[in-house]
Every structure is written in structure tokens, then in C-alpha cells.
Protein backbone atom coordinates (compact mmCIF):
# COMPACT_ATOMS: atom_id res chain seq x y z
CA MET A 1 0.00 0.00 0.00
CA LYS A 2 1.45 3.33 -1.06
CA LYS A 3 1.48 6.37 1.19
CA ILE A 4 0.66 10.07 1.20
CA LEU A 5 3.68 12.34 1.57
CA ILE A 6 3.23 15.63 3.44
CA PRO A 7 6.14 18.07 3.80
CA THR A 8 5.92 20.09 7.00
CA ASP A 9 7.67 23.09 8.52
CA PHE A 10 5.91 22.62 11.89
CA SER A 11 3.82 25.79 11.42
CA GLU A 12 0.10 26.16 12.12
CA LYS A 13 -0.62 26.35 8.38
CA SER A 14 1.34 23.16 7.92
CA MET A 15 -0.68 21.58 10.74
CA ASN A 16 -3.88 22.24 8.81
CA THR A 17 -2.46 20.41 5.80
CA VAL A 18 -1.39 17.52 8.02
CA LYS A 19 -4.89 17.26 9.52
CA TYR A 20 -6.39 17.31 6.04
CA GLY A 21 -3.94 14.68 4.83
CA VAL A 22 -4.45 12.37 7.80
CA GLN A 23 -8.22 12.45 7.31
CA LEU A 24 -7.80 11.89 3.58
CA GLY A 25 -5.46 9.00 4.34
CA LYS A 26 -8.01 7.43 6.66
CA SER A 27 -10.67 7.64 3.95
CA MET A 28 -8.31 6.18 1.35
CA ASN A 29 -6.87 3.59 3.75
CA LYS A 30 -3.40 4.99 3.23
CA ALA A 31 -0.62 5.71 5.68
CA VAL A 32 0.83 9.20 5.89
CA THR A 33 4.47 10.23 6.05
CA LEU A 34 5.44 13.63 7.40
CA VAL A 35 8.76 14.82 6.06
CA TYR A 36 10.90 17.71 7.16
CA VAL A 37 13.78 18.74 4.93
CA VAL A 38 16.79 20.51 6.40
CA ASP A 39 16.91 22.83 3.41
CA LEU A 40 20.50 23.59 2.47
CA SER A 41 19.41 26.17 -0.10
CA ARG A 42 18.92 28.57 2.80
CA TYR A 43 22.63 28.69 3.45
CA THR A 44 25.43 30.41 1.57
CA THR A 45 27.96 27.84 0.39
CA ASP A 46 29.92 29.80 -2.23
CA TYR A 47 33.08 31.68 -1.54
CA HIS A 48 33.13 35.08 -3.25
CA GLU A 49 36.69 36.24 -3.82
CA THR A 50 35.51 39.73 -4.73
CA THR A 51 33.70 40.25 -1.45
CA GLY A 52 35.84 38.05 0.73
CA VAL A 53 32.72 36.42 2.17
CA ALA A 54 33.61 32.99 3.43
CA PRO A 55 31.19 30.13 2.91
CA PHE A 56 28.80 29.35 5.70
CA VAL A 57 28.58 25.64 6.32
CA PRO A 58 25.77 24.80 8.73
CA ASP A 59 26.18 22.34 11.55
CA LEU A 60 24.00 19.58 10.11
CA VAL A 61 24.10 17.53 13.28
CA GLN A 62 22.70 20.45 15.24
CA LEU A 63 20.06 21.23 12.60
CA LYS A 64 18.90 17.61 12.61
CA GLU A 65 18.70 17.61 16.40
CA VAL A 66 16.54 20.73 16.29
CA ALA A 67 14.27 19.12 13.69
CA GLU A 68 13.95 15.94 15.73
CA THR A 69 12.96 18.02 18.75
CA GLN A 70 10.35 19.82 16.65
CA PHE A 71 8.94 16.49 15.51
CA LYS A 72 8.67 15.37 19.13
CA GLU A 73 6.66 18.50 19.90
CA PHE A 74 4.59 18.42 16.71
CA ILE A 75 3.43 14.79 16.67
CA PRO A 76 1.59 14.93 20.04
CA LYS A 77 -0.39 17.91 18.71
CA ILE A 78 -1.50 15.79 15.78
CA LYS A 79 -2.32 12.80 17.96
CA LYS A 80 -4.46 15.04 20.14
CA GLN A 81 -6.57 15.78 17.06
CA PHE A 82 -7.00 12.06 16.31
CA PRO A 83 -7.48 10.19 19.59
CA GLU A 84 -8.74 7.13 17.69
CA GLY A 85 -5.22 6.53 16.40
CA LEU A 86 -2.94 7.38 13.49
CA ASN A 87 -1.24 5.53 10.67
CA LEU A 88 1.60 8.01 10.58
CA ASP A 89 5.36 8.00 10.32
CA THR A 90 8.04 10.67 9.96
CA ARG A 91 11.26 11.11 8.08
CA LEU A 92 14.02 13.67 8.24
CA GLU A 93 15.85 14.61 5.04
CA THR A 94 18.77 16.86 4.18
CA GLY A 95 19.26 18.68 0.89
CA ILE A 96 17.42 21.08 -1.38
CA PHE A 97 13.76 21.00 -0.38
CA SER A 98 12.12 20.60 -3.77
CA ASP A 99 14.80 18.18 -4.99
CA ARG A 100 14.32 15.87 -2.03
CA ILE A 101 10.50 15.84 -2.34
CA ILE A 102 10.76 15.11 -6.06
CA GLU A 103 13.24 12.29 -5.44
CA LEU A 104 10.90 10.75 -2.89
CA SER A 105 8.01 10.94 -5.37
CA ASN A 106 10.07 9.09 -7.96
CA GLY A 107 10.17 5.94 -5.89
CA ASP A 108 7.44 3.37 -5.29
CA VAL A 109 6.46 4.46 -1.78
CA TYR A 110 4.28 7.54 -2.34
CA ASP A 111 1.48 8.17 -4.81
CA LEU A 112 0.22 11.54 -3.57
CA ILE A 113 1.90 14.69 -2.23
CA LEU A 114 0.09 17.28 -0.12
CA LEU A 115 1.54 20.79 -0.17
CA THR A 116 0.51 23.74 1.95
CA GLY A 117 -0.83 26.77 0.09
CA ARG A 118 0.51 30.18 0.99
CA THR A 119 -1.18 33.31 2.31
CA GLU A 120 1.50 36.00 2.38
CA LYS A 121 2.20 38.76 -0.10
CA SER A 122 1.21 38.04 -3.68
CA PHE A 123 -1.23 35.63 -5.29
CA LEU A 124 1.60 33.35 -6.39
CA ASP A 125 2.99 33.26 -2.87
CA ARG A 126 -0.46 32.43 -1.54
CA LEU A 127 -1.19 29.35 -3.59
CA ILE A 128 2.09 28.16 -4.88
CA SER A 129 5.58 29.17 -3.86
CA ASP A 130 8.52 28.71 -6.20
CA ARG A 131 9.51 25.44 -4.59
CA ASN A 132 5.96 24.11 -4.77
CA GLU A 133 5.88 24.96 -8.47
CA THR A 134 9.10 23.03 -8.97
CA ILE A 135 7.57 20.02 -7.23
CA ILE A 136 4.44 20.20 -9.39
CA GLU A 137 6.59 20.42 -12.49
CA ASP A 138 8.72 17.35 -11.76
CA ALA A 139 6.98 15.11 -9.22
CA ARG A 140 5.99 11.68 -10.50
CA CYS A 141 2.69 11.65 -8.65
CA PRO A 142 -0.31 13.96 -8.29
CA VAL A 143 0.08 16.99 -6.04
CA PHE A 144 -2.67 18.25 -3.74
CA ILE A 145 -2.40 21.95 -2.83
CA VAL A 146 -4.31 22.62 0.38
CA PRO A 147 -5.15 26.25 1.22
CA PRO A 148 -4.52 26.99 4.91
CA SER A 149 -8.21 27.72 5.44
CA SER A 150 -9.42 24.43 3.93
CA ALA A 151 -11.31 22.07 6.20
CA TYR A 152 -11.43 18.42 5.18
CA THR A 153 -14.62 17.01 3.72
CA ASP A 154 -15.13 13.73 1.89
CA LEU A 155 -14.68 14.28 -1.82
CA GLN A 156 -18.30 13.98 -2.89
CA ASN A 157 -18.11 16.44 -5.78
CA ILE A 158 -15.06 16.94 -7.95
CA VAL A 159 -14.76 19.50 -10.74
CA TYR A 160 -12.10 18.65 -13.31
CA ALA A 161 -11.13 21.31 -15.86
CA THR A 162 -10.62 19.75 -19.29
CA ASN A 163 -9.56 20.98 -22.71
CA TYR A 164 -10.86 17.77 -24.35
CA ASN A 165 -7.24 16.62 -24.69
CA GLU A 166 -6.38 12.94 -24.85
CA ALA A 167 -3.97 13.55 -21.97
CA ASP A 168 -6.97 14.41 -19.79
CA ILE A 169 -8.07 10.78 -19.99
CA GLY A 170 -5.12 9.72 -17.83
CA SER A 171 -6.08 12.30 -15.23
CA LEU A 172 -9.70 11.18 -15.27
CA GLN A 173 -8.66 7.55 -14.87
CA ARG A 174 -6.65 8.42 -11.76
CA LEU A 175 -9.44 10.69 -10.56
CA SER A 176 -11.93 7.86 -11.05
CA ASP A 177 -9.80 5.63 -8.81
CA LEU A 178 -10.06 8.27 -6.12
CA ALA A 179 -13.76 8.91 -6.77
CA ARG A 180 -14.69 5.24 -6.30
CA ILE A 181 -13.58 5.47 -2.67
CA PHE A 182 -16.08 8.23 -1.96
CA ASN A 183 -18.63 7.41 -4.67
CA SER A 184 -17.90 10.92 -5.90
CA LYS A 185 -19.49 12.74 -8.75
CA ILE A 186 -16.94 14.02 -11.27
CA THR A 187 -17.86 16.96 -13.45
CA ALA A 188 -15.48 17.23 -16.40
CA LEU A 189 -15.83 20.89 -17.24
CA HIS A 190 -14.85 22.44 -20.56
CA ILE A 191 -15.06 26.20 -20.92
CA SER A 192 -15.21 27.93 -24.27
CA ASN A 193 -16.16 31.39 -25.45
CA ASP A 194 -18.00 29.83 -28.39
CA LYS A 195 -20.24 26.76 -28.12
CA SER A 196 -19.73 25.98 -31.78
CA PHE A 197 -20.43 22.86 -33.80
CA LYS A 198 -16.71 22.06 -33.64
CA ASN A 199 -16.80 22.14 -29.86
CA LYS A 200 -19.91 19.97 -29.80
CA LEU A 201 -18.11 17.37 -31.93
CA SER A 202 -15.10 17.52 -29.59
CA GLU A 203 -17.38 17.05 -26.60
CA LYS A 204 -19.04 14.00 -28.17
CA GLY A 205 -15.72 12.35 -29.06
CA PHE A 206 -14.25 13.07 -25.64
CA GLU A 207 -17.33 11.71 -23.88
CA GLU A 208 -17.04 8.44 -25.79
CA MET A 209 -13.35 8.18 -24.90
CA VAL A 210 -14.09 8.83 -21.22
CA GLN A 211 -16.77 6.14 -21.13
CA GLU A 212 -14.44 3.66 -22.80
CA LYS A 213 -11.28 4.34 -20.80
CA CYS A 214 -12.41 5.32 -17.31
CA ASN A 215 -15.00 2.65 -16.53
CA TYR A 216 -16.65 4.97 -14.01
CA GLN A 217 -20.30 5.81 -14.46
CA ASN A 218 -20.48 8.91 -12.31
CA ILE A 219 -18.67 11.28 -14.70
CA ASN A 220 -20.68 14.11 -16.17
CA LEU A 221 -19.37 16.28 -19.00
CA GLN A 222 -20.36 19.92 -19.02
CA MET A 223 -19.56 22.70 -21.43
CA ARG A 224 -19.94 26.28 -20.26
CA LYS A 225 -19.58 29.42 -22.27
CA GLY A 226 -17.26 31.95 -20.70
CA ASP A 227 -14.44 34.33 -21.51
CA ASP A 228 -12.81 33.98 -18.10
CA ILE A 229 -11.85 30.35 -17.53
CA VAL A 230 -11.08 30.56 -13.86
CA ASN A 231 -14.07 32.63 -12.80
CA THR A 232 -16.33 30.24 -14.68
CA ILE A 233 -14.75 27.29 -12.91
CA GLU A 234 -15.35 29.04 -9.60
CA GLN A 235 -19.00 29.57 -10.49
CA VAL A 236 -19.49 25.93 -11.44
CA ALA A 237 -17.59 24.71 -8.38
CA THR A 238 -19.82 26.87 -6.19
CA GLU A 239 -22.99 25.67 -7.91
CA LEU A 240 -22.00 22.03 -7.52
CA LYS A 241 -20.64 22.48 -3.99
CA ALA A 242 -17.35 20.99 -5.16
CA ASP A 243 -14.85 19.67 -2.63
CA VAL A 244 -11.82 19.87 -4.91
CA ILE A 245 -10.79 21.19 -8.33
CA GLY A 246 -8.64 18.99 -10.55
CA ILE A 247 -6.38 20.13 -13.39
CA LEU A 248 -3.77 18.60 -15.67
CA LYS A 249 -0.42 20.38 -15.68
CA GLU A 250 -0.11 19.91 -19.44
CA ASN A 251 -3.29 21.90 -20.08
CA HIS A 252 -1.08 24.92 -20.69
CA GLY A 253 -3.82 27.45 -21.42
CA PHE A 254 -5.67 26.73 -18.21
CA TRP A 255 -2.49 26.47 -16.15
CA LYS A 256 -1.19 29.79 -17.49
CA GLU A 257 -4.42 31.56 -16.61
CA LEU A 258 -4.74 29.87 -13.24
CA PHE A 259 -1.24 30.71 -12.05
CA SER A 260 -0.29 33.82 -13.99
CA SER A 261 -3.33 35.89 -14.89
CA SER A 262 -4.21 38.79 -12.63
CA SER A 263 -7.86 37.91 -13.21
CA THR A 264 -7.42 34.83 -11.03
CA ARG A 265 -6.12 36.63 -7.95
CA GLU A 266 -9.52 37.28 -6.43
CA LEU A 267 -10.56 33.67 -7.02
CA VAL A 268 -7.49 32.13 -5.44
CA LEU A 269 -7.31 34.53 -2.54
CA ASN A 270 -10.89 33.68 -1.59
CA THR A 271 -11.32 30.04 -2.54
CA LYS A 272 -11.19 27.43 0.17
CA LEU A 273 -11.00 24.55 -2.26
CA PRO A 274 -7.93 22.39 -2.60
CA VAL A 275 -6.48 21.96 -6.07
CA LEU A 276 -5.38 18.52 -7.27
CA VAL A 277 -2.74 18.79 -10.00
CA PHE A 278 -2.01 15.86 -12.27
CA HIS A 279 1.06 15.53 -14.46
CA GLU A 280 1.63 13.28 -17.45
CA LYS A 281 4.77 12.01 -15.72
CA SER A 282 2.57 10.42 -13.08
CA PHE A 283 0.86 8.34 -15.77
CA LEU A 284 4.22 7.20 -17.09
CA LYS A 285 5.11 6.12 -13.58
CA LYS A 286 1.84 4.22 -13.23
CA LYS A 287 2.32 2.41 -16.53
CA SER A 288 5.87 1.41 -15.67
CA THR A 289 4.80 -0.19 -12.38
CA THR A 290 1.82 -2.17 -13.65
């Protein structure tokens, strides 16, 4: 049985992600691993002859001891939230944060990563920091981004944003595996500014492919007309009382608007919904291990 991997920095926001992940793990019958990375990227290791600044080499033994102490203080707080018991372990890593998380995802132990969303400064800092973006780009498993204000609920309604790409089928197959656990309803949502005959043909062909490949009956395809992709997704998610929004990293148009467009800032700053990001690399991993 594979596990859920949750990086932590022992903060309150991180605690919310851990609580969400533990509850998700219980529902999915998966164990959870909390990982803390002694992040060496925080330290200056280069010697600059022009400035005469000597390299700073941290005392790794001391940093690990501090982290172990933090784990000893953090775990009882989690256990207090779950008196019925936990299927939880911890690991301490050293290196560059994003590199270590990606390396862990490349093995056969973890099949889902939970990352904590951000709330400070800009929109990008709120939902996805630079290191989180690196993880999403290269991790070989889906990544769940949990906003600090999100409270766990069973995933009864899932909205998946699709461009009618064949690559979306892999995401929907993985999403169907998750949905079966909760008997979830999946709404595969395509947004276009023109509900043309061409789009209707695409919808029909995609629907047939979904039915053939996913073998999950509770998938509903919807097409909505809208010029603003993200705001339309928010409207549909609100209407359907969605518990999570799913996207495929390779859907470049949607991804660009979601993470770059200023029009999305209001949505992301206010949404309480987690975002589940799939990546084609995760499908390659799945194929290679089956």
C-alpha cells in the first residue's frame, strides 16, 4: 500500500495540511508520512573572492537535532486531534527542499503529495511558492495543494477542468480511482467562449473516450460558455458544492491563466478549495509499475 507524503515546517498552516492529509489518508486507507527537509538552499555555500565572504557551512548535526525536537513536539499535537489513532510516520531529510521531495516521489512508496498553500504577499505566494511549483513540475505523482483555510470534507463532488485533450483521460482515470472510494461525482468541465459545432463534436468524441477508458459511471461532461476560464470554474464549483478542483499540468492554457493571470487573484485569494494537480509524468510512472 502506497502512502501520502506531506512536507511540514511545523507551522500552524502546515498543521492544517497535516490534519487534512491524515483524514484523507483514513478515507483512502493509506498511511501518511510527514517529512521535514533541512533545506540547504537557505545557506550560503559559495566563496566570493571579490567580497571576501567565506562560505557558511551549517552544523548539520545540530540542525537535525533541532528538527527531531520539533517532531517530538509536533506529533503529540496531531495525535491530540485524532485520539482514535494514526497511521503516521516521519522522516528527516537533508538537501534542497524541492529536490528531495521530487526524489521521494520518484520511488514506489508515495502516490500523492500534499503541499501547503501560501497566504502571504502576492497571489503566487499564496497558492504556490517557487519550490511548490518546482515540485508540481517534476513530481511523478499527483500533487494536492491545500489552502490553509481548507477544512477536510469527503470528496463527494469533484470538478475537473478539461480541454478535451487525450492527456486528460489519464487524469480522469486516476481521478476515477479516487472517486470510487467516496462514490464521488466528477464533473469534467470544458469552458469555451463559443459553443460551436466544432466544440460539440469535440465534446461528443471526448465523452465516448471517457466512457471507454475510465469505466466509471459517475462522470458528467459539461460545457460552459465563458471568456474567463477561472471565474467560470469558480461559479461551477460553487454551484456544484465541489470539494476539490482537478487540473492537468499539461493543459497549458488553463495552467497559465490559473497561475499567472491577474484575473485569477480574487478567485485564489478567496477560494477554500484544494487543487489537485495531475502531471503526465505520473501516468508514465503508473504504466511502468503495472
